[in-house]
């Protein structure tokens, strides 16, 4: 394990390396479950509730007469 100054708070500590950005951070600023620093983890989009669909960026309107039977 690395020892040094946390890239977020500047305190001396045993350090972890964020797998997304490479910051060297202390345990307080590292999420062991995701392997991310608190900055990267906070910038990820929130997961949608189960079963919720993501709206299309450019939805296309389909007329009932365009649907084949």
C-alpha atoms as a PDB file:
ATOM      1  CA  UNK A   1       0.000   0.000   0.000  1.00  0.00           C
ATOM      2  CA  UNK A   2       1.198   3.522  -0.772  1.00  0.00           C
ATOM      3  CA  UNK A   3       1.789   6.165   1.850  1.00  0.00           C
ATOM      4  CA  UNK A   4       1.687   9.863   1.125  1.00  0.00           C
ATOM      5  CA  UNK A   5      -0.655  12.831   0.948  1.00  0.00           C
ATOM      6  CA  UNK A   6      -4.268  12.392  -0.162  1.00  0.00           C
ATOM      7  CA  UNK A   7      -4.912  14.160  -3.487  1.00  0.00           C
ATOM      8  CA  UNK A   8      -8.279  15.370  -2.166  1.00  0.00           C
ATOM      9  CA  UNK A   9      -7.740  16.463   1.442  1.00  0.00           C
ATOM     10  CA  UNK A  10      -3.948  16.679   1.570  1.00  0.00           C
ATOM     11  CA  UNK A  11      -3.655  14.673   4.803  1.00  0.00           C
ATOM     12  CA  UNK A  12      -0.879  12.085   5.208  1.00  0.00           C
ATOM     13  CA  UNK A  13      -2.307   8.563   5.029  1.00  0.00           C
ATOM     14  CA  UNK A  14      -2.130   5.120   3.504  1.00  0.00           C
ATOM     15  CA  UNK A  15      -3.394   5.697  -0.020  1.00  0.00           C
ATOM     16  CA  UNK A  16      -5.665   3.959  -2.494  1.00  0.00           C
ATOM     17  CA  UNK A  17      -5.591   4.638  -6.250  1.00  0.00           C
ATOM     18  CA  UNK A  18      -8.862   5.500  -8.002  1.00  0.00           C
ATOM     19  CA  UNK A  19      -9.363   3.126 -10.923  1.00  0.00           C
ATOM     20  CA  UNK A  20     -11.054   5.844 -12.980  1.00  0.00           C
ATOM     21  CA  UNK A  21      -8.855   8.944 -12.596  1.00  0.00           C
ATOM     22  CA  UNK A  22      -5.725   7.647 -10.847  1.00  0.00           C
ATOM     23  CA  UNK A  23      -5.966  10.003  -7.865  1.00  0.00           C
ATOM     24  CA  UNK A  24      -4.160   8.768  -4.777  1.00  0.00           C
ATOM     25  CA  UNK A  25      -6.628   9.154  -1.921  1.00  0.00           C
ATOM     26  CA  UNK A  26      -7.037   8.264   1.757  1.00  0.00           C
ATOM     27  CA  UNK A  27      -9.626   5.761   3.030  1.00  0.00           C
ATOM     28  CA  UNK A  28     -12.035   8.621   3.784  1.00  0.00           C
ATOM     29  CA  UNK A  29     -12.102   9.606   0.106  1.00  0.00           C
ATOM     30  CA  UNK A  30     -12.118   6.110  -1.399  1.00  0.00           C
ATOM     31  CA  UNK A  31     -15.056   3.786  -2.005  1.00  0.00           C
ATOM     32  CA  UNK A  32     -13.780   0.222  -1.712  1.00  0.00           C
ATOM     33  CA  UNK A  33     -16.888  -1.293  -3.346  1.00  0.00           C
ATOM     34  CA  UNK A  34     -16.499   0.658  -6.594  1.00  0.00           C
ATOM     35  CA  UNK A  35     -12.740   1.303  -6.495  1.00  0.00           C
ATOM     36  CA  UNK A  36     -13.405   5.003  -7.113  1.00  0.00           C
ATOM     37  CA  UNK A  37     -12.467   8.172  -5.275  1.00  0.00           C
ATOM     38  CA  UNK A  38     -15.356  10.217  -3.883  1.00  0.00           C
ATOM     39  CA  UNK A  39     -15.030  12.775  -6.692  1.00  0.00           C
ATOM     40  CA  UNK A  40     -15.391  10.168  -9.458  1.00  0.00           C
ATOM     41  CA  UNK A  41     -18.131   8.310  -7.624  1.00  0.00           C
ATOM     42  CA  UNK A  42     -20.078  11.565  -7.218  1.00  0.00           C
ATOM     43  CA  UNK A  43     -19.807  12.341 -10.936  1.00  0.00           C
ATOM     44  CA  UNK A  44     -21.384   9.073 -12.090  1.00  0.00           C
ATOM     45  CA  UNK A  45     -25.037   9.209 -13.158  1.00  0.00           C
ATOM     46  CA  UNK A  46     -27.442   7.870 -10.567  1.00  0.00           C
ATOM     47  CA  UNK A  47     -28.807   4.416 -11.454  1.00  0.00           C
ATOM     48  CA  UNK A  48     -32.428   4.365 -12.568  1.00  0.00           C
ATOM     49  CA  UNK A  49     -34.989   2.485 -10.495  1.00  0.00           C
ATOM     50  CA  UNK A  50     -35.425  -1.059 -11.728  1.00  0.00           C
ATOM     51  CA  UNK A  51     -37.709  -1.254 -14.746  1.00  0.00           C
ATOM     52  CA  UNK A  52     -37.516   2.458 -15.612  1.00  0.00           C
ATOM     53  CA  UNK A  53     -36.602   3.131 -19.230  1.00  0.00           C
ATOM     54  CA  UNK A  54     -34.246   5.830 -20.428  1.00  0.00           C
ATOM     55  CA  UNK A  55     -35.952   8.252 -22.842  1.00  0.00           C
ATOM     56  CA  UNK A  56     -34.458   8.374 -26.323  1.00  0.00           C
ATOM     57  CA  UNK A  57     -32.448  11.483 -27.187  1.00  0.00           C
ATOM     58  CA  UNK A  58     -34.157  11.827 -30.577  1.00  0.00           C
ATOM     59  CA  UNK A  59     -37.446   9.970 -30.328  1.00  0.00           C
ATOM     60  CA  UNK A  60     -39.170   9.135 -33.571  1.00  0.00           C
ATOM     61  CA  UNK A  61     -42.901   9.294 -33.858  1.00  0.00           C
ATOM     62  CA  UNK A  62     -44.481   6.236 -35.422  1.00  0.00           C
ATOM     63  CA  UNK A  63     -47.934   6.535 -36.837  1.00  0.00           C
ATOM     64  CA  UNK A  64     -50.284   3.551 -36.366  1.00  0.00           C
ATOM     65  CA  UNK A  65     -50.576   3.278 -40.165  1.00  0.00           C
ATOM     66  CA  UNK A  66     -46.761   2.782 -40.343  1.00  0.00           C
ATOM     67  CA  UNK A  67     -46.908  -0.324 -38.139  1.00  0.00           C
ATOM     68  CA  UNK A  68     -47.184  -3.584 -40.093  1.00  0.00           C
ATOM     69  CA  UNK A  69     -49.780  -6.074 -38.951  1.00  0.00           C
END
